[in-house]
Amino acid sequence: MSEELISKKELLEKLQISYGQLYRWKRKKLIPEEWFIKKSVSTGQETFFPKDEIIARINKILELKDDISLDDLANQFSYKVGNVTLKRSYLLKNNIVSASILERFESVIKNKNELYEESKLFALFVYERLINLGFFNLEEINEITTSLLKNYSKLSNENMIIIIRRKLGICYYYVISSEPEILIDESSIEIARFKIRDILEKIRELQLVI
């Protein structure tokens, strides 16, 4: 599953923004350098972007830029490990996750603490996503969740991608630092993949409203 890209020209037209705005946001570190992907085309070189991520990011910038300075926005987008803690009661009161998901997650990690730091929020959202996909049994979900929670400090790179595959009925998973994968086991079937960035973005959105 390769990532869908959008050209710079298409992006500017779709979101009705200027070249100057785009590169100002880049200079202000509102848009990561690695999202500017140079590719050879028939007319020379063209800049492309990961489509879903760049559109979501620019829409968020346009939504908030009149209320928050660009420097403050940059701080919020440059996610730092360990800087978010939410109360369990807040997660339930604001329907961040359902009570049943939260209780099942807590039974998996064997912890029912009122405070949810970033690593637990990350694991919780992974757990919720795996449950909702409906492709995995509980043992597989529990193993993946606890493994990611245990190794969370190694997953702070937003460009990492978690890939889950199945071979001969056995589920296995791994993390790559960026696309595309260099070697793929063609005898296995990819069941799911999700970007660290997407889950961090969900935590980041909570950070903006608390």
C-alpha atoms as a PDB file:
ATOM      1  CA  MET A   1       0.000   0.000   0.000  1.00  0.00           C
ATOM      2  CA  SER A   2       1.863   3.048  -1.202  1.00  0.00           C
ATOM      3  CA  GLU A   3       1.073   6.462   0.192  1.00  0.00           C
ATOM      4  CA  GLU A   4      -1.077   8.705  -2.000  1.00  0.00           C
ATOM      5  CA  LEU A   5       0.711  11.895  -3.011  1.00  0.00           C
ATOM      6  CA  ILE A   6      -0.520  15.269  -4.195  1.00  0.00           C
ATOM      7  CA  SER A   7       1.513  17.655  -6.330  1.00  0.00           C
ATOM      8  CA  LYS A   8       2.306  21.169  -5.162  1.00  0.00           C
ATOM      9  CA  LYS A   9       0.225  22.654  -7.984  1.00  0.00           C
ATOM     10  CA  GLU A  10      -2.794  20.504  -7.110  1.00  0.00           C
ATOM     11  CA  LEU A  11      -2.402  21.335  -3.424  1.00  0.00           C
ATOM     12  CA  LEU A  12      -2.316  25.095  -3.967  1.00  0.00           C
ATOM     13  CA  GLU A  13      -5.371  24.922  -6.212  1.00  0.00           C
ATOM     14  CA  LYS A  14      -7.346  22.583  -3.956  1.00  0.00           C
ATOM     15  CA  LEU A  15      -6.826  24.576  -0.749  1.00  0.00           C
ATOM     16  CA  GLN A  16      -6.707  28.021  -2.363  1.00  0.00           C
ATOM     17  CA  ILE A  17      -3.409  28.980  -0.751  1.00  0.00           C
ATOM     18  CA  SER A  18      -0.403  30.720  -2.256  1.00  0.00           C
ATOM     19  CA  TYR A  19       3.130  29.514  -2.899  1.00  0.00           C
ATOM     20  CA  GLY A  20       4.311  32.145  -0.412  1.00  0.00           C
ATOM     21  CA  GLN A  21       2.012  30.901   2.357  1.00  0.00           C
ATOM     22  CA  LEU A  22       3.124  27.320   1.853  1.00  0.00           C
ATOM     23  CA  TYR A  23       6.818  28.141   2.129  1.00  0.00           C
ATOM     24  CA  ARG A  24       6.315  30.547   5.003  1.00  0.00           C
ATOM     25  CA  TRP A  25       4.662  27.747   6.946  1.00  0.00           C
ATOM     26  CA  LYS A  26       7.569  25.526   6.009  1.00  0.00           C
ATOM     27  CA  ARG A  27      10.087  28.104   7.320  1.00  0.00           C
ATOM     28  CA  LYS A  28       8.050  28.401  10.514  1.00  0.00           C
ATOM     29  CA  LYS A  29       8.248  24.588  10.856  1.00  0.00           C
ATOM     30  CA  LEU A  30       4.482  24.193  10.662  1.00  0.00           C
ATOM     31  CA  ILE A  31       4.990  21.729   7.812  1.00  0.00           C
ATOM     32  CA  PRO A  32       7.780  19.136   8.161  1.00  0.00           C
ATOM     33  CA  GLU A  33      10.668  19.310   5.727  1.00  0.00           C
ATOM     34  CA  GLU A  34      10.287  15.613   4.932  1.00  0.00           C
ATOM     35  CA  TRP A  35       6.796  16.188   3.545  1.00  0.00           C
ATOM     36  CA  PHE A  36       8.337  18.067   0.589  1.00  0.00           C
ATOM     37  CA  ILE A  37       9.090  15.138  -1.733  1.00  0.00           C
ATOM     38  CA  LYS A  38      11.014  15.814  -4.938  1.00  0.00           C
ATOM     39  CA  LYS A  39      10.164  13.540  -7.858  1.00  0.00           C
ATOM     40  CA  SER A  40      11.271  13.448 -11.475  1.00  0.00           C
ATOM     41  CA  VAL A  41       8.506  14.097 -13.999  1.00  0.00           C
ATOM     42  CA  SER A  42       8.499  14.571 -17.769  1.00  0.00           C
ATOM     43  CA  THR A  43       9.049  18.327 -17.392  1.00  0.00           C
ATOM     44  CA  GLY A  44      11.851  18.034 -14.837  1.00  0.00           C
ATOM     45  CA  GLN A  45      11.381  17.909 -11.067  1.00  0.00           C
ATOM     46  CA  GLU A  46       8.182  18.488  -9.148  1.00  0.00           C
ATOM     47  CA  THR A  47       7.354  18.673  -5.447  1.00  0.00           C
ATOM     48  CA  PHE A  48       4.800  16.274  -4.007  1.00  0.00           C
ATOM     49  CA  PHE A  49       3.329  15.825  -0.525  1.00  0.00           C
ATOM     50  CA  PRO A  50       1.675  12.988   1.420  1.00  0.00           C
ATOM     51  CA  LYS A  51      -1.882  13.901   0.471  1.00  0.00           C
ATOM     52  CA  ASP A  52      -3.912  13.175   3.597  1.00  0.00           C
ATOM     53  CA  GLU A  53      -1.331  14.571   6.000  1.00  0.00           C
ATOM     54  CA  ILE A  54      -0.626  17.830   4.185  1.00  0.00           C
ATOM     55  CA  ILE A  55      -4.318  18.601   3.628  1.00  0.00           C
ATOM     56  CA  ALA A  56      -5.176  17.899   7.265  1.00  0.00           C
ATOM     57  CA  ARG A  57      -2.228  19.984   8.484  1.00  0.00           C
ATOM     58  CA  ILE A  58      -3.003  22.995   6.263  1.00  0.00           C
ATOM     59  CA  ASN A  59      -6.689  22.892   7.166  1.00  0.00           C
ATOM     60  CA  LYS A  60      -5.671  22.960  10.835  1.00  0.00           C
ATOM     61  CA  ILE A  61      -3.321  25.903  10.206  1.00  0.00           C
ATOM     62  CA  LEU A  62      -6.047  27.822   8.365  1.00  0.00           C
ATOM     63  CA  GLU A  63      -8.502  27.081  11.160  1.00  0.00           C
ATOM     64  CA  LEU A  64      -6.218  28.276  13.962  1.00  0.00           C
ATOM     65  CA  LYS A  65      -3.932  30.904  12.423  1.00  0.00           C
ATOM     66  CA  ASP A  66      -6.156  33.862  13.365  1.00  0.00           C
ATOM     67  CA  ASP A  67      -6.374  32.773  17.003  1.00  0.00           C
ATOM     68  CA  ILE A  68      -2.880  31.398  17.653  1.00  0.00           C
ATOM     69  CA  SER A  69       0.476  32.789  16.547  1.00  0.00           C
ATOM     70  CA  LEU A  70       2.447  30.765  14.019  1.00  0.00           C
ATOM     71  CA  ASP A  71       5.214  30.260  16.587  1.00  0.00           C
ATOM     72  CA  ASP A  72       2.735  28.808  19.076  1.00  0.00           C
ATOM     73  CA  LEU A  73       1.269  26.623  16.361  1.00  0.00           C
ATOM     74  CA  ALA A  74       4.758  25.375  15.524  1.00  0.00           C
ATOM     75  CA  ASN A  75       5.286  24.428  19.176  1.00  0.00           C
ATOM     76  CA  GLN A  76       2.038  22.492  19.199  1.00  0.00           C
ATOM     77  CA  PHE A  77       2.850  20.686  15.968  1.00  0.00           C
ATOM     78  CA  SER A  78       6.396  19.799  17.096  1.00  0.00           C
ATOM     79  CA  TYR A  79       5.252  17.079  19.433  1.00  0.00           C
ATOM     80  CA  LYS A  80       7.432  16.360  22.459  1.00  0.00           C
ATOM     81  CA  VAL A  81       7.482  13.041  24.308  1.00  0.00           C
ATOM     82  CA  GLY A  82       5.976  13.090  27.768  1.00  0.00           C
ATOM     83  CA  ASN A  83       4.201  16.443  27.691  1.00  0.00           C
ATOM     84  CA  VAL A  84       0.573  15.271  27.798  1.00  0.00           C
ATOM     85  CA  THR A  85      -1.276  13.794  30.754  1.00  0.00           C
ATOM     86  CA  LEU A  86      -5.046  13.381  30.892  1.00  0.00           C
ATOM     87  CA  LYS A  87      -7.319  12.121  33.616  1.00  0.00           C
ATOM     88  CA  ARG A  88      -9.249   8.915  33.069  1.00  0.00           C
ATOM     89  CA  SER A  89     -12.426  10.775  33.961  1.00  0.00           C
ATOM     90  CA  TYR A  90     -11.706  13.334  31.210  1.00  0.00           C
ATOM     91  CA  LEU A  91     -11.455  10.585  28.589  1.00  0.00           C
ATOM     92  CA  LEU A  92     -14.852   9.227  29.611  1.00  0.00           C
ATOM     93  CA  LYS A  93     -16.626  12.543  30.177  1.00  0.00           C
ATOM     94  CA  ASN A  94     -15.647  13.820  26.729  1.00  0.00           C
ATOM     95  CA  ASN A  95     -16.282  10.509  24.930  1.00  0.00           C
ATOM     96  CA  ILE A  96     -12.671  10.255  23.782  1.00  0.00           C
ATOM     97  CA  VAL A  97     -13.083   6.487  24.056  1.00  0.00           C
ATOM     98  CA  SER A  98     -15.969   4.359  25.255  1.00  0.00           C
ATOM     99  CA  ALA A  99     -16.069   3.015  28.797  1.00  0.00           C
ATOM    100  CA  SER A 100     -15.997  -0.571  27.506  1.00  0.00           C
ATOM    101  CA  ILE A 101     -12.853   0.040  25.425  1.00  0.00           C
ATOM    102  CA  LEU A 102     -11.161   1.794  28.348  1.00  0.00           C
ATOM    103  CA  GLU A 103     -11.979  -0.989  30.809  1.00  0.00           C
ATOM    104  CA  ARG A 104     -10.814  -3.711  28.415  1.00  0.00           C
ATOM    105  CA  PHE A 105      -7.608  -1.789  27.710  1.00  0.00           C
ATOM    106  CA  GLU A 106      -6.906  -1.408  31.425  1.00  0.00           C
ATOM    107  CA  SER A 107      -7.366  -5.129  31.951  1.00  0.00           C
ATOM    108  CA  VAL A 108      -4.795  -5.755  29.206  1.00  0.00           C
ATOM    109  CA  ILE A 109      -2.131  -3.441  30.616  1.00  0.00           C
ATOM    110  CA  LYS A 110      -3.093  -4.411  34.190  1.00  0.00           C
ATOM    111  CA  ASN A 111      -3.267  -0.816  35.306  1.00  0.00           C
ATOM    112  CA  LYS A 112      -6.207   1.327  36.345  1.00  0.00           C
ATOM    113  CA  ASN A 113      -4.584   4.632  37.185  1.00  0.00           C
ATOM    114  CA  GLU A 114      -6.510   7.914  37.054  1.00  0.00           C
ATOM    115  CA  LEU A 115      -3.730   9.579  35.057  1.00  0.00           C
ATOM    116  CA  TYR A 116      -3.015   8.738  31.427  1.00  0.00           C
ATOM    117  CA  GLU A 117       0.391   9.915  30.270  1.00  0.00           C
ATOM    118  CA  GLU A 118       1.321  10.058  26.606  1.00  0.00           C
ATOM    119  CA  SER A 119       2.559   6.476  26.247  1.00  0.00           C
ATOM    120  CA  LYS A 120      -0.680   5.077  27.694  1.00  0.00           C
ATOM    121  CA  LEU A 121      -2.776   7.358  25.486  1.00  0.00           C
ATOM    122  CA  PHE A 122      -0.831   6.117  22.482  1.00  0.00           C
ATOM    123  CA  ALA A 123      -1.358   2.462  23.419  1.00  0.00           C
ATOM    124  CA  LEU A 124      -5.036   3.118  24.173  1.00  0.00           C
ATOM    125  CA  PHE A 125      -5.666   4.625  20.738  1.00  0.00           C
ATOM    126  CA  VAL A 126      -3.816   1.742  19.063  1.00  0.00           C
ATOM    127  CA  TYR A 127      -5.937  -0.716  21.050  1.00  0.00           C
ATOM    128  CA  GLU A 128      -9.134   1.085  20.046  1.00  0.00           C
ATOM    129  CA  ARG A 129      -8.116   1.107  16.384  1.00  0.00           C
ATOM    130  CA  LEU A 130      -7.296  -2.610  16.360  1.00  0.00           C
ATOM    131  CA  ILE A 131     -10.613  -3.455  18.023  1.00  0.00           C
ATOM    132  CA  ASN A 132     -12.552  -1.350  15.527  1.00  0.00           C
ATOM    133  CA  LEU A 133     -10.789  -2.888  12.517  1.00  0.00           C
ATOM    134  CA  GLY A 134     -12.264  -6.265  13.410  1.00  0.00           C
ATOM    135  CA  PHE A 135      -9.452  -8.244  11.755  1.00  0.00           C
ATOM    136  CA  PHE A 136      -7.711  -9.553  14.883  1.00  0.00           C
ATOM    137  CA  ASN A 137      -8.500 -11.813  17.791  1.00  0.00           C
ATOM    138  CA  LEU A 138      -8.133 -10.508  21.330  1.00  0.00           C
ATOM    139  CA  GLU A 139      -4.848 -12.307  21.940  1.00  0.00           C
ATOM    140  CA  GLU A 140      -3.291 -10.610  18.906  1.00  0.00           C
ATOM    141  CA  ILE A 141      -4.668  -7.206  19.887  1.00  0.00           C
ATOM    142  CA  ASN A 142      -3.403  -7.565  23.440  1.00  0.00           C
ATOM    143  CA  GLU A 143       0.072  -8.633  22.308  1.00  0.00           C
ATOM    144  CA  ILE A 144       0.448  -5.766  19.830  1.00  0.00           C
ATOM    145  CA  THR A 145      -0.841  -3.209  22.330  1.00  0.00           C
ATOM    146  CA  THR A 146       1.406  -4.261  25.203  1.00  0.00           C
ATOM    147  CA  SER A 147       4.437  -4.473  22.912  1.00  0.00           C
ATOM    148  CA  LEU A 148       3.896  -0.944  21.580  1.00  0.00           C
ATOM    149  CA  LEU A 149       3.333   0.406  25.086  1.00  0.00           C
ATOM    150  CA  LYS A 150       6.544  -1.230  26.306  1.00  0.00           C
ATOM    151  CA  ASN A 151       8.541   0.130  23.367  1.00  0.00           C
ATOM    152  CA  TYR A 152       6.857   3.514  23.086  1.00  0.00           C
ATOM    153  CA  SER A 153      10.045   5.495  23.711  1.00  0.00           C
ATOM    154  CA  LYS A 154      11.465   4.014  20.491  1.00  0.00           C
ATOM    155  CA  LEU A 155       8.440   5.139  18.461  1.00  0.00           C
ATOM    156  CA  SER A 156       8.782   8.906  18.774  1.00  0.00           C
ATOM    157  CA  ASN A 157       9.569   9.386  15.072  1.00  0.00           C
ATOM    158  CA  GLU A 158       6.336  10.565  13.443  1.00  0.00           C
ATOM    159  CA  ASN A 159       7.327   9.048  10.100  1.00  0.00           C
ATOM    160  CA  MET A 160       7.345   5.499  11.441  1.00  0.00           C
ATOM    161  CA  ILE A 161       4.673   3.116  10.193  1.00  0.00           C
ATOM    162  CA  ILE A 162       3.296   0.085  12.026  1.00  0.00           C
ATOM    163  CA  ILE A 163       2.570  -2.788   9.637  1.00  0.00           C
ATOM    164  CA  ILE A 164       0.607  -5.897  10.586  1.00  0.00           C
ATOM    165  CA  ARG A 165       0.674  -8.956   8.326  1.00  0.00           C
ATOM    166  CA  ARG A 166      -0.599 -12.515   8.468  1.00  0.00           C
ATOM    167  CA  LYS A 167       1.163 -15.627   7.163  1.00  0.00           C
ATOM    168  CA  LEU A 168      -0.257 -19.143   7.411  1.00  0.00           C
ATOM    169  CA  GLY A 169      -2.737 -17.825   9.961  1.00  0.00           C
ATOM    170  CA  ILE A 170      -0.034 -16.307  12.154  1.00  0.00           C
ATOM    171  CA  CYS A 171      -0.165 -12.571  12.822  1.00  0.00           C
ATOM    172  CA  TYR A 172       3.100 -10.643  12.989  1.00  0.00           C
ATOM    173  CA  TYR A 173       3.928  -6.964  13.042  1.00  0.00           C
ATOM    174  CA  TYR A 174       6.869  -4.624  12.627  1.00  0.00           C
ATOM    175  CA  VAL A 175       7.734  -0.958  12.332  1.00  0.00           C
ATOM    176  CA  ILE A 176       9.429   0.781   9.409  1.00  0.00           C
ATOM    177  CA  SER A 177      10.926   4.258   9.542  1.00  0.00           C
ATOM    178  CA  SER A 178       9.421   5.422   6.239  1.00  0.00           C
ATOM    179  CA  GLU A 179       7.883   4.206   3.009  1.00  0.00           C
ATOM    180  CA  PRO A 180       8.400   2.312   0.824  1.00  0.00           C
ATOM    181  CA  GLU A 181       9.365  -1.002   2.403  1.00  0.00           C
ATOM    182  CA  ILE A 182      12.594  -2.390   1.002  1.00  0.00           C
ATOM    183  CA  LEU A 183      11.754  -6.082   1.380  1.00  0.00           C
ATOM    184  CA  ILE A 184       8.234  -7.512   1.486  1.00  0.00           C
ATOM    185  CA  ASP A 185       7.292 -11.109   2.240  1.00  0.00           C
ATOM    186  CA  GLU A 186       5.053 -11.803  -0.758  1.00  0.00           C
ATOM    187  CA  SER A 187       3.734 -14.990   0.845  1.00  0.00           C
ATOM    188  CA  SER A 188       2.089 -12.990   3.633  1.00  0.00           C
ATOM    189  CA  ILE A 189      -0.978 -10.740   3.532  1.00  0.00           C
ATOM    190  CA  GLU A 190      -0.970  -7.206   4.861  1.00  0.00           C
ATOM    191  CA  ILE A 191      -3.867  -6.808   7.293  1.00  0.00           C
ATOM    192  CA  ALA A 192      -3.345  -3.243   8.450  1.00  0.00           C
ATOM    193  CA  ARG A 193      -0.893  -0.394   8.591  1.00  0.00           C
ATOM    194  CA  PHE A 194      -1.056   2.899  10.386  1.00  0.00           C
ATOM    195  CA  LYS A 195       1.245   5.806  10.849  1.00  0.00           C
ATOM    196  CA  ILE A 196       2.631   6.865  14.198  1.00  0.00           C
ATOM    197  CA  ARG A 197       1.878  10.404  13.035  1.00  0.00           C
ATOM    198  CA  ASP A 198      -1.874   9.742  12.866  1.00  0.00           C
ATOM    199  CA  ILE A 199      -2.037   8.591  16.470  1.00  0.00           C
ATOM    200  CA  LEU A 200       0.202  11.394  17.711  1.00  0.00           C
ATOM    201  CA  GLU A 201      -2.048  13.808  15.830  1.00  0.00           C
ATOM    202  CA  LYS A 202      -5.014  12.539  17.814  1.00  0.00           C
ATOM    203  CA  ILE A 203      -3.117  13.158  21.055  1.00  0.00           C
ATOM    204  CA  ARG A 204      -2.023  16.539  19.732  1.00  0.00           C
ATOM    205  CA  GLU A 205      -5.640  17.518  19.078  1.00  0.00           C
ATOM    206  CA  LEU A 206      -6.487  16.694  22.684  1.00  0.00           C
ATOM    207  CA  GLN A 207      -3.576  18.878  23.750  1.00  0.00           C
ATOM    208  CA  LEU A 208      -5.081  21.817  21.842  1.00  0.00           C
ATOM    209  CA  VAL A 209      -8.410  21.695  23.681  1.00  0.00           C
ATOM    210  CA  ILE A 210      -7.399  20.956  27.275  1.00  0.00           C
END
